[in-house]
Amino acid sequence: MPQSPVQIPSFPQALTYPLRFMPLVPLSASLTAYSRKIAKNHPELFRRLGAHDHTRFVLDPTDLPFVLLLDPNGGTPRVTVMRGPGEGAARIAGPLAALLGLVHGAYDGDALFFSRDLVIEGETAATLALRNAVDDAELDLSQEILNLSGPLANPLQRLLAFLERRTGVCLTRPDEVEIW
């Protein structure tokens, strides 16, 4: 079996236990609001999906006790967090760090797929459209949060940098992208 050239960090198991009991409705509402801010700042992201702009995607961070259902909804996205497998036209599964690294351009999706760190099921064309849209948008999810944080942006930025150094998880878009 092929080995990954990079060790993908896993979410600490000790922290996943409390997530099993976390209420998911507030998390869904927060992620929906966040995704709509991203849609407002990057409208091309959802336009680029073309015919797949109403395709439901199951994003499955395999090291967390829930999945995210992303419904682009024609540019007014909705995110639903649920326990269980979730239903959608396409499923993208892998460790949270791999999924974040893909969004931030730190990892190459093909390399993750062939090393089996990433599993893709369902409508391949929809998954490819999502991948291309995210790649072209050059998103930085942390920067999007910082833009919403007002006076808390500087301390939050330091905290995110600390967490990124400690965990090895790509929480921001790297200055020098090293795609493997």
C-alpha atoms as a PDB file:
ATOM      1  CA  MET A   1       0.000   0.000   0.000  1.00  0.00           C
ATOM      2  CA  PRO A   2       1.409   3.453  -0.879  1.00  0.00           C
ATOM      3  CA  GLN A   3       2.564   5.585   2.014  1.00  0.00           C
ATOM      4  CA  SER A   4       1.962   9.315   2.314  1.00  0.00           C
ATOM      5  CA  PRO A   5       5.100  11.395   1.968  1.00  0.00           C
ATOM      6  CA  VAL A   6       3.684  13.534   4.783  1.00  0.00           C
ATOM      7  CA  GLN A   7       2.176  12.285   8.027  1.00  0.00           C
ATOM      8  CA  ILE A   8      -1.344  13.721   8.237  1.00  0.00           C
ATOM      9  CA  PRO A   9      -2.113  14.711  11.843  1.00  0.00           C
ATOM     10  CA  SER A  10      -5.248  13.287  13.471  1.00  0.00           C
ATOM     11  CA  PHE A  11      -7.617  15.165  15.733  1.00  0.00           C
ATOM     12  CA  PRO A  12      -6.740  14.157  19.325  1.00  0.00           C
ATOM     13  CA  GLN A  13      -9.002  11.328  20.466  1.00  0.00           C
ATOM     14  CA  ALA A  14      -9.289  12.833  23.939  1.00  0.00           C
ATOM     15  CA  LEU A  15     -11.013  15.849  22.380  1.00  0.00           C
ATOM     16  CA  THR A  16     -13.397  13.820  20.224  1.00  0.00           C
ATOM     17  CA  TYR A  17     -15.192  12.350  23.246  1.00  0.00           C
ATOM     18  CA  PRO A  18     -16.827  15.644  24.335  1.00  0.00           C
ATOM     19  CA  LEU A  19     -17.749  16.337  20.690  1.00  0.00           C
ATOM     20  CA  ARG A  20     -20.019  13.278  20.814  1.00  0.00           C
ATOM     21  CA  PHE A  21     -22.322  15.162  23.190  1.00  0.00           C
ATOM     22  CA  MET A  22     -22.083  18.624  21.656  1.00  0.00           C
ATOM     23  CA  PRO A  23     -25.375  20.016  20.344  1.00  0.00           C
ATOM     24  CA  LEU A  24     -25.148  20.104  16.564  1.00  0.00           C
ATOM     25  CA  VAL A  25     -27.859  22.655  15.724  1.00  0.00           C
ATOM     26  CA  PRO A  26     -25.829  25.681  16.964  1.00  0.00           C
ATOM     27  CA  LEU A  27     -22.752  24.370  15.154  1.00  0.00           C
ATOM     28  CA  SER A  28     -24.781  23.943  11.946  1.00  0.00           C
ATOM     29  CA  ALA A  29     -26.169  27.482  12.250  1.00  0.00           C
ATOM     30  CA  SER A  30     -22.684  28.912  12.873  1.00  0.00           C
ATOM     31  CA  LEU A  31     -21.132  27.055   9.949  1.00  0.00           C
ATOM     32  CA  THR A  32     -24.001  28.072   7.670  1.00  0.00           C
ATOM     33  CA  ALA A  33     -23.515  31.748   8.616  1.00  0.00           C
ATOM     34  CA  TYR A  34     -19.745  31.390   8.128  1.00  0.00           C
ATOM     35  CA  SER A  35     -20.161  29.702   4.733  1.00  0.00           C
ATOM     36  CA  ARG A  36     -22.523  32.485   3.623  1.00  0.00           C
ATOM     37  CA  LYS A  37     -19.907  35.098   4.547  1.00  0.00           C
ATOM     38  CA  ILE A  38     -17.422  33.152   2.452  1.00  0.00           C
ATOM     39  CA  ALA A  39     -19.964  33.030  -0.397  1.00  0.00           C
ATOM     40  CA  LYS A  40     -20.396  36.789  -0.160  1.00  0.00           C
ATOM     41  CA  ASN A  41     -16.616  37.367  -0.200  1.00  0.00           C
ATOM     42  CA  HIS A  42     -15.936  34.741  -2.892  1.00  0.00           C
ATOM     43  CA  PRO A  43     -19.043  34.499  -5.126  1.00  0.00           C
ATOM     44  CA  GLU A  44     -16.944  32.884  -7.856  1.00  0.00           C
ATOM     45  CA  LEU A  45     -16.499  29.859  -5.597  1.00  0.00           C
ATOM     46  CA  PHE A  46     -20.123  28.824  -5.988  1.00  0.00           C
ATOM     47  CA  ARG A  47     -20.493  30.038  -9.588  1.00  0.00           C
ATOM     48  CA  ARG A  48     -17.584  27.773 -10.513  1.00  0.00           C
ATOM     49  CA  LEU A  49     -19.607  24.732  -9.420  1.00  0.00           C
ATOM     50  CA  GLY A  50     -21.762  25.225 -12.520  1.00  0.00           C
ATOM     51  CA  ALA A  51     -24.304  22.415 -12.864  1.00  0.00           C
ATOM     52  CA  HIS A  52     -23.306  21.147  -9.402  1.00  0.00           C
ATOM     53  CA  ASP A  53     -24.309  24.305  -7.534  1.00  0.00           C
ATOM     54  CA  HIS A  54     -27.207  22.404  -5.905  1.00  0.00           C
ATOM     55  CA  THR A  55     -25.341  19.145  -5.325  1.00  0.00           C
ATOM     56  CA  ARG A  56     -25.142  18.046  -1.687  1.00  0.00           C
ATOM     57  CA  PHE A  57     -21.647  17.084  -0.564  1.00  0.00           C
ATOM     58  CA  VAL A  58     -20.889  14.945   2.472  1.00  0.00           C
ATOM     59  CA  LEU A  59     -17.632  16.149   4.017  1.00  0.00           C
ATOM     60  CA  ASP A  60     -16.550  13.435   6.411  1.00  0.00           C
ATOM     61  CA  PRO A  61     -13.682  14.307   8.753  1.00  0.00           C
ATOM     62  CA  THR A  62     -13.009  10.694   9.730  1.00  0.00           C
ATOM     63  CA  ASP A  63     -11.353  11.618  13.018  1.00  0.00           C
ATOM     64  CA  LEU A  64     -14.421  13.530  14.260  1.00  0.00           C
ATOM     65  CA  PRO A  65     -17.742  12.044  15.470  1.00  0.00           C
ATOM     66  CA  PHE A  66     -19.863  13.862  12.887  1.00  0.00           C
ATOM     67  CA  VAL A  67     -20.089  14.733   9.204  1.00  0.00           C
ATOM     68  CA  LEU A  68     -20.795  18.021   7.440  1.00  0.00           C
ATOM     69  CA  LEU A  69     -23.424  18.193   4.727  1.00  0.00           C
ATOM     70  CA  LEU A  70     -22.619  21.062   2.384  1.00  0.00           C
ATOM     71  CA  ASP A  71     -25.463  22.190   0.178  1.00  0.00           C
ATOM     72  CA  PRO A  72     -24.150  25.010  -2.058  1.00  0.00           C
ATOM     73  CA  ASN A  73     -27.785  25.981  -2.694  1.00  0.00           C
ATOM     74  CA  GLY A  74     -26.959  28.097  -5.740  1.00  0.00           C
ATOM     75  CA  GLY A  75     -24.603  30.414  -3.839  1.00  0.00           C
ATOM     76  CA  THR A  76     -26.537  30.609  -0.555  1.00  0.00           C
ATOM     77  CA  PRO A  77     -24.837  27.660   1.126  1.00  0.00           C
ATOM     78  CA  ARG A  78     -26.220  25.648   3.990  1.00  0.00           C
ATOM     79  CA  VAL A  79     -24.112  23.448   6.268  1.00  0.00           C
ATOM     80  CA  THR A  80     -25.708  20.758   8.386  1.00  0.00           C
ATOM     81  CA  VAL A  81     -23.669  18.913  10.992  1.00  0.00           C
ATOM     82  CA  MET A  82     -24.942  15.444  11.815  1.00  0.00           C
ATOM     83  CA  ARG A  83     -23.945  12.205  13.408  1.00  0.00           C
ATOM     84  CA  GLY A  84     -24.026   9.194  11.139  1.00  0.00           C
ATOM     85  CA  PRO A  85     -23.025   8.807   7.507  1.00  0.00           C
ATOM     86  CA  GLY A  86     -25.133  11.582   5.953  1.00  0.00           C
ATOM     87  CA  GLU A  87     -26.603  11.469   2.471  1.00  0.00           C
ATOM     88  CA  GLY A  88     -25.347  13.349  -0.526  1.00  0.00           C
ATOM     89  CA  ALA A  89     -24.420  12.944  -4.159  1.00  0.00           C
ATOM     90  CA  ALA A  90     -20.710  12.958  -3.326  1.00  0.00           C
ATOM     91  CA  ARG A  91     -18.705  12.064  -0.230  1.00  0.00           C
ATOM     92  CA  ILE A  92     -15.198  13.275   0.571  1.00  0.00           C
ATOM     93  CA  ALA A  93     -13.678  11.588   3.608  1.00  0.00           C
ATOM     94  CA  GLY A  94     -10.353  11.909   5.364  1.00  0.00           C
ATOM     95  CA  PRO A  95      -8.772  13.282   8.506  1.00  0.00           C
ATOM     96  CA  LEU A  96      -9.775  16.856   9.349  1.00  0.00           C
ATOM     97  CA  ALA A  97      -6.167  17.980   8.812  1.00  0.00           C
ATOM     98  CA  ALA A  98      -6.199  16.583   5.262  1.00  0.00           C
ATOM     99  CA  LEU A  99      -9.503  18.289   4.428  1.00  0.00           C
ATOM    100  CA  LEU A 100      -8.258  21.637   5.794  1.00  0.00           C
ATOM    101  CA  GLY A 101      -4.938  21.184   3.989  1.00  0.00           C
ATOM    102  CA  LEU A 102      -6.815  20.668   0.718  1.00  0.00           C
ATOM    103  CA  VAL A 103      -8.795  23.871   1.182  1.00  0.00           C
ATOM    104  CA  HIS A 104      -5.648  25.838   2.018  1.00  0.00           C
ATOM    105  CA  GLY A 105      -3.645  24.410  -0.870  1.00  0.00           C
ATOM    106  CA  ALA A 106      -1.095  22.708   1.379  1.00  0.00           C
ATOM    107  CA  TYR A 107      -1.894  19.211   0.095  1.00  0.00           C
ATOM    108  CA  ASP A 108      -2.547  17.898  -3.375  1.00  0.00           C
ATOM    109  CA  GLY A 109      -5.857  16.071  -3.662  1.00  0.00           C
ATOM    110  CA  ASP A 110      -4.486  13.519  -6.121  1.00  0.00           C
ATOM    111  CA  ALA A 111      -1.625  12.625  -3.777  1.00  0.00           C
ATOM    112  CA  LEU A 112      -4.038  12.274  -0.837  1.00  0.00           C
ATOM    113  CA  PHE A 113      -6.351  10.112  -2.929  1.00  0.00           C
ATOM    114  CA  PHE A 114      -3.634   7.781  -4.195  1.00  0.00           C
ATOM    115  CA  SER A 115      -2.098   7.456  -0.728  1.00  0.00           C
ATOM    116  CA  ARG A 116      -5.586   6.583   0.561  1.00  0.00           C
ATOM    117  CA  ASP A 117      -5.589   9.463   3.033  1.00  0.00           C
ATOM    118  CA  LEU A 118      -8.656  10.741   1.176  1.00  0.00           C
ATOM    119  CA  VAL A 119     -11.667   8.741   0.001  1.00  0.00           C
ATOM    120  CA  ILE A 120     -14.009  10.035  -2.682  1.00  0.00           C
ATOM    121  CA  GLU A 121     -17.340   8.378  -3.417  1.00  0.00           C
ATOM    122  CA  GLY A 122     -20.351   9.238  -5.521  1.00  0.00           C
ATOM    123  CA  GLU A 123     -20.510  11.803  -8.295  1.00  0.00           C
ATOM    124  CA  THR A 124     -16.920  12.258  -9.390  1.00  0.00           C
ATOM    125  CA  ALA A 125     -17.793  15.200 -11.647  1.00  0.00           C
ATOM    126  CA  ALA A 126     -19.348  17.067  -8.713  1.00  0.00           C
ATOM    127  CA  THR A 127     -16.321  16.368  -6.527  1.00  0.00           C
ATOM    128  CA  LEU A 128     -13.989  17.576  -9.260  1.00  0.00           C
ATOM    129  CA  ALA A 129     -16.068  20.753  -9.700  1.00  0.00           C
ATOM    130  CA  LEU A 130     -15.868  21.411  -5.939  1.00  0.00           C
ATOM    131  CA  ARG A 131     -12.133  20.793  -5.901  1.00  0.00           C
ATOM    132  CA  ASN A 132     -11.538  23.158  -8.826  1.00  0.00           C
ATOM    133  CA  ALA A 133     -13.769  25.830  -7.303  1.00  0.00           C
ATOM    134  CA  VAL A 134     -11.959  25.668  -3.946  1.00  0.00           C
ATOM    135  CA  ASP A 135      -8.522  25.635  -5.619  1.00  0.00           C
ATOM    136  CA  ASP A 136      -9.357  28.683  -7.734  1.00  0.00           C
ATOM    137  CA  ALA A 137     -10.790  30.641  -4.789  1.00  0.00           C
ATOM    138  CA  GLU A 138      -7.511  30.277  -2.832  1.00  0.00           C
ATOM    139  CA  LEU A 139      -9.443  30.319   0.433  1.00  0.00           C
ATOM    140  CA  ASP A 140      -7.889  30.947   3.810  1.00  0.00           C
ATOM    141  CA  LEU A 141     -10.519  29.852   6.314  1.00  0.00           C
ATOM    142  CA  SER A 142      -8.650  31.392   9.253  1.00  0.00           C
ATOM    143  CA  GLN A 143      -8.376  34.732   7.479  1.00  0.00           C
ATOM    144  CA  GLU A 144     -12.103  34.642   6.830  1.00  0.00           C
ATOM    145  CA  ILE A 145     -12.681  34.151  10.583  1.00  0.00           C
ATOM    146  CA  LEU A 146     -10.195  36.904  11.439  1.00  0.00           C
ATOM    147  CA  ASN A 147     -12.045  39.295   9.115  1.00  0.00           C
ATOM    148  CA  LEU A 148     -15.180  38.722  11.213  1.00  0.00           C
ATOM    149  CA  SER A 149     -13.402  39.031  14.579  1.00  0.00           C
ATOM    150  CA  GLY A 150     -13.027  42.790  14.909  1.00  0.00           C
ATOM    151  CA  PRO A 151     -10.818  43.722  17.891  1.00  0.00           C
ATOM    152  CA  LEU A 152     -10.208  40.051  18.696  1.00  0.00           C
ATOM    153  CA  ALA A 153      -8.484  39.459  15.345  1.00  0.00           C
ATOM    154  CA  ASN A 154      -4.893  39.970  16.588  1.00  0.00           C
ATOM    155  CA  PRO A 155      -5.086  37.680  19.643  1.00  0.00           C
ATOM    156  CA  LEU A 156      -7.023  35.118  17.597  1.00  0.00           C
ATOM    157  CA  GLN A 157      -4.381  35.231  14.866  1.00  0.00           C
ATOM    158  CA  ARG A 158      -1.654  34.511  17.445  1.00  0.00           C
ATOM    159  CA  LEU A 159      -3.725  31.645  18.860  1.00  0.00           C
ATOM    160  CA  LEU A 160      -4.259  30.129  15.407  1.00  0.00           C
ATOM    161  CA  ALA A 161      -0.529  30.396  14.614  1.00  0.00           C
ATOM    162  CA  PHE A 162       0.290  28.692  17.929  1.00  0.00           C
ATOM    163  CA  LEU A 163      -2.219  25.888  17.266  1.00  0.00           C
ATOM    164  CA  GLU A 164      -0.896  25.419  13.748  1.00  0.00           C
ATOM    165  CA  ARG A 165       2.690  25.083  15.043  1.00  0.00           C
ATOM    166  CA  ARG A 166       1.666  22.720  17.876  1.00  0.00           C
ATOM    167  CA  THR A 167      -0.608  20.436  15.881  1.00  0.00           C
ATOM    168  CA  GLY A 168       0.886  20.485  12.397  1.00  0.00           C
ATOM    169  CA  VAL A 169      -2.596  21.147  10.997  1.00  0.00           C
ATOM    170  CA  CYS A 170      -2.677  23.701   8.197  1.00  0.00           C
ATOM    171  CA  LEU A 171      -5.096  26.267   9.624  1.00  0.00           C
ATOM    172  CA  THR A 172      -4.116  29.012   7.171  1.00  0.00           C
ATOM    173  CA  ARG A 173      -3.039  29.228   3.557  1.00  0.00           C
ATOM    174  CA  PRO A 174       0.749  28.806   3.537  1.00  0.00           C
ATOM    175  CA  ASP A 175       2.845  31.622   2.085  1.00  0.00           C
ATOM    176  CA  GLU A 176       4.965  29.091   0.233  1.00  0.00           C
ATOM    177  CA  VAL A 177       2.687  26.288  -0.873  1.00  0.00           C
ATOM    178  CA  GLU A 178       4.437  22.938  -0.693  1.00  0.00           C
ATOM    179  CA  ILE A 179       2.193  20.521  -2.493  1.00  0.00           C
ATOM    180  CA  TRP A 180       3.209  16.923  -2.194  1.00  0.00           C
END
